[in-house]
C-alpha cells in the first residue's frame, strides 16, 4: 500500500511538472525540486518538436520507466501501481465521487442534460440523451506551471 501511495504521489508530481516543459527541472510551490533524467536524443526530439509547435507525447512506457526509476520499483511493479491508481480514479469518479489532489487538480463526474440536436448528415432534429462524463480541472499551481510567462 505504501509503494502504491508513493507511486501515486510521484505520478501526480511528474505529470504536473514534466508534461508541460522541455526543461529537465521544474519545482512545485512549496515542494522539493524534482529532477528528470531523459536521454539526449529524447530531449533533442522534444526540443525540435517544441520549436516546430508540435505536441511532444510522453507515452505510457516512458511514464512507467520514469516511475520505476524514481521509486526504485521494477517496471512491472510500476506498471501495476500506475494501473491501480488509474483504476481507483476511474472507479471512484464513475461512482460519482470527486477526487481532489492539491497542487494537481480535481477529477469529477459532470452531468450533461438531455437536449435537442441535429443530425449533421440530414439536418433533421433529434433528441440527444442525458449523459455523464468524467472531467478534470487543473489546480492553480498546475495552470501556473503550464503558463510560466504569465
Protein backbone atom coordinates (compact mmCIF):
# COMPACT_ATOMS: atom_id res chain seq x y z
CA UNK A 1 0.00 0.00 0.00
CA UNK A 2 2.87 2.34 0.88
CA UNK A 3 4.50 1.74 -2.53
CA UNK A 4 1.20 2.44 -4.26
CA UNK A 5 0.84 5.73 -2.41
CA UNK A 6 4.43 6.71 -3.27
CA UNK A 7 3.87 5.82 -6.91
CA UNK A 8 0.65 7.84 -6.99
CA UNK A 9 2.30 10.91 -5.48
CA UNK A 10 5.16 10.58 -7.93
CA UNK A 11 2.66 10.17 -10.76
CA UNK A 12 0.98 13.44 -9.82
CA UNK A 13 4.24 15.35 -9.45
CA UNK A 14 5.67 14.00 -12.69
CA UNK A 15 2.54 14.61 -14.70
CA UNK A 16 2.25 18.16 -13.48
CA UNK A 17 5.89 19.07 -13.92
CA UNK A 18 7.13 17.07 -16.92
CA UNK A 19 4.24 17.26 -19.33
CA UNK A 20 4.43 21.00 -19.85
CA UNK A 21 8.11 21.73 -20.12
CA UNK A 22 11.07 20.73 -22.18
CA UNK A 23 13.49 21.66 -19.42
CA UNK A 24 14.77 18.92 -17.16
CA UNK A 25 13.85 20.67 -13.89
CA UNK A 26 10.58 22.02 -12.53
CA UNK A 27 9.70 22.99 -8.95
CA UNK A 28 6.23 22.92 -7.40
CA UNK A 29 5.44 25.74 -5.00
CA UNK A 30 6.43 24.63 -1.52
CA UNK A 31 7.89 21.33 -2.73
CA UNK A 32 11.38 19.99 -3.15
CA UNK A 33 12.78 20.14 -6.68
CA UNK A 34 12.11 17.14 -8.89
CA UNK A 35 14.76 16.16 -11.41
CA UNK A 36 14.06 14.12 -14.51
CA UNK A 37 16.68 12.17 -16.38
CA UNK A 38 15.97 11.82 -20.08
CA UNK A 39 18.27 10.78 -22.86
CA UNK A 40 19.84 13.47 -25.04
CA UNK A 41 18.13 12.11 -28.15
CA UNK A 42 14.73 12.32 -26.42
CA UNK A 43 15.45 15.87 -25.30
CA UNK A 44 16.64 16.79 -28.81
CA UNK A 45 13.49 15.39 -30.42
CA UNK A 46 11.32 17.15 -27.84
CA UNK A 47 13.13 20.45 -28.43
CA UNK A 48 12.76 20.18 -32.20
CA UNK A 49 9.05 19.36 -31.91
CA UNK A 50 8.51 22.19 -29.42
CA UNK A 51 10.24 24.64 -31.76
CA UNK A 52 8.03 23.44 -34.60
CA UNK A 53 4.94 23.96 -32.42
CA UNK A 54 4.16 20.24 -32.20
CA UNK A 55 2.96 18.49 -29.06
CA UNK A 56 5.50 16.10 -27.56
CA UNK A 57 3.98 12.82 -26.35
CA UNK A 58 5.12 11.24 -23.09
CA UNK A 59 3.97 7.66 -23.66
CA UNK A 60 2.89 5.13 -21.06
CA UNK A 61 6.12 3.13 -21.40
CA UNK A 62 8.15 6.30 -20.76
CA UNK A 63 5.94 7.12 -17.80
CA UNK A 64 6.29 3.63 -16.31
CA UNK A 65 10.08 3.77 -16.76
CA UNK A 66 10.26 7.18 -15.05
CA UNK A 67 8.14 5.97 -12.11
CA UNK A 68 10.33 2.85 -11.80
CA UNK A 69 13.47 4.97 -11.76
CA UNK A 70 12.14 7.40 -9.15
CA UNK A 71 10.65 4.83 -6.79
CA UNK A 72 13.21 2.05 -7.15
CA UNK A 73 10.45 -0.34 -8.17
CA UNK A 74 10.73 -2.57 -11.21
CA UNK A 75 8.97 -1.57 -14.41
CA UNK A 76 6.45 -4.35 -13.84
CA UNK A 77 5.66 -3.11 -10.33
CA UNK A 78 5.47 0.46 -11.60
CA UNK A 79 3.02 -0.53 -14.33
CA UNK A 80 0.86 -2.35 -11.77
CA UNK A 81 0.92 0.70 -9.48
CA UNK A 82 0.01 3.04 -12.36
CA UNK A 83 -2.82 0.73 -13.43
CA UNK A 84 -4.09 0.55 -9.85
CA UNK A 85 -4.05 4.34 -9.45
CA UNK A 86 -5.85 4.91 -12.73
CA UNK A 87 -8.36 2.17 -11.90
CA UNK A 88 -9.13 3.74 -8.50
CA UNK A 89 -9.59 7.17 -10.07
CA UNK A 90 -11.86 5.82 -12.83
CA UNK A 91 -13.93 3.67 -10.44
CA UNK A 92 -14.43 6.37 -7.82
CA UNK A 93 -15.24 9.11 -10.34
CA UNK A 94 -17.67 6.81 -12.19
CA UNK A 95 -19.46 6.19 -8.88
CA UNK A 96 -19.97 9.96 -8.51
CA UNK A 97 -17.15 10.83 -6.11
CA UNK A 98 -14.91 13.84 -6.54
CA UNK A 99 -11.16 13.25 -6.21
CA UNK A 100 -9.16 16.33 -5.25
CA UNK A 101 -5.38 16.28 -5.39
CA UNK A 102 -3.99 19.56 -4.02
CA UNK A 103 -1.41 21.07 -6.35
CA UNK A 104 -2.57 18.87 -9.24
CA UNK A 105 -6.30 19.10 -9.83
CA UNK A 106 -9.74 17.60 -9.37
CA UNK A 107 -11.40 14.67 -11.10
CA UNK A 108 -15.21 14.67 -11.06
CA UNK A 109 -18.30 13.43 -12.87
CA UNK A 110 -20.18 16.07 -14.86
CA UNK A 111 -23.79 15.70 -15.98
CA UNK A 112 -24.94 16.67 -19.46
CA UNK A 113 -28.67 17.32 -19.67
CA UNK A 114 -30.84 15.93 -22.46
CA UNK A 115 -31.09 18.34 -25.37
CA UNK A 116 -32.21 18.75 -28.94
CA UNK A 117 -29.63 18.42 -31.69
CA UNK A 118 -29.41 17.99 -35.44
CA UNK A 119 -28.26 15.06 -37.49
CA UNK A 120 -25.20 16.50 -39.28
CA UNK A 121 -25.84 14.42 -42.38
CA UNK A 122 -29.55 15.13 -42.92
CA UNK A 123 -30.13 18.23 -40.80
CA UNK A 124 -33.11 16.53 -39.09
CA UNK A 125 -33.80 17.47 -35.46
CA UNK A 126 -33.09 14.67 -33.00
CA UNK A 127 -33.11 14.07 -29.25
CA UNK A 128 -29.77 13.65 -27.50
CA UNK A 129 -30.00 11.64 -24.27
CA UNK A 130 -28.70 12.90 -20.93
CA UNK A 131 -25.28 11.52 -20.03
CA UNK A 132 -22.49 11.67 -17.50
CA UNK A 133 -18.89 12.36 -18.45
CA UNK A 134 -15.69 12.43 -16.39
CA UNK A 135 -13.89 15.75 -16.24
CA UNK A 136 -10.65 17.13 -14.87
CA UNK A 137 -9.98 20.64 -13.59
CA UNK A 138 -6.34 21.61 -13.16
CA UNK A 139 -5.32 23.38 -9.95
CA UNK A 140 -3.95 26.91 -9.96
CA UNK A 141 -0.44 25.54 -9.33
CA UNK A 142 -0.74 23.23 -12.34
CA UNK A 143 -2.08 26.05 -14.53
CA UNK A 144 0.75 28.34 -13.46
CA UNK A 145 3.27 25.65 -14.42
CA UNK A 146 1.65 25.32 -17.84
CA UNK A 147 1.82 29.10 -18.36
CA UNK A 148 5.22 30.23 -16.98
CA UNK A 149 5.13 33.52 -18.93
CA UNK A 150 2.09 34.91 -17.07
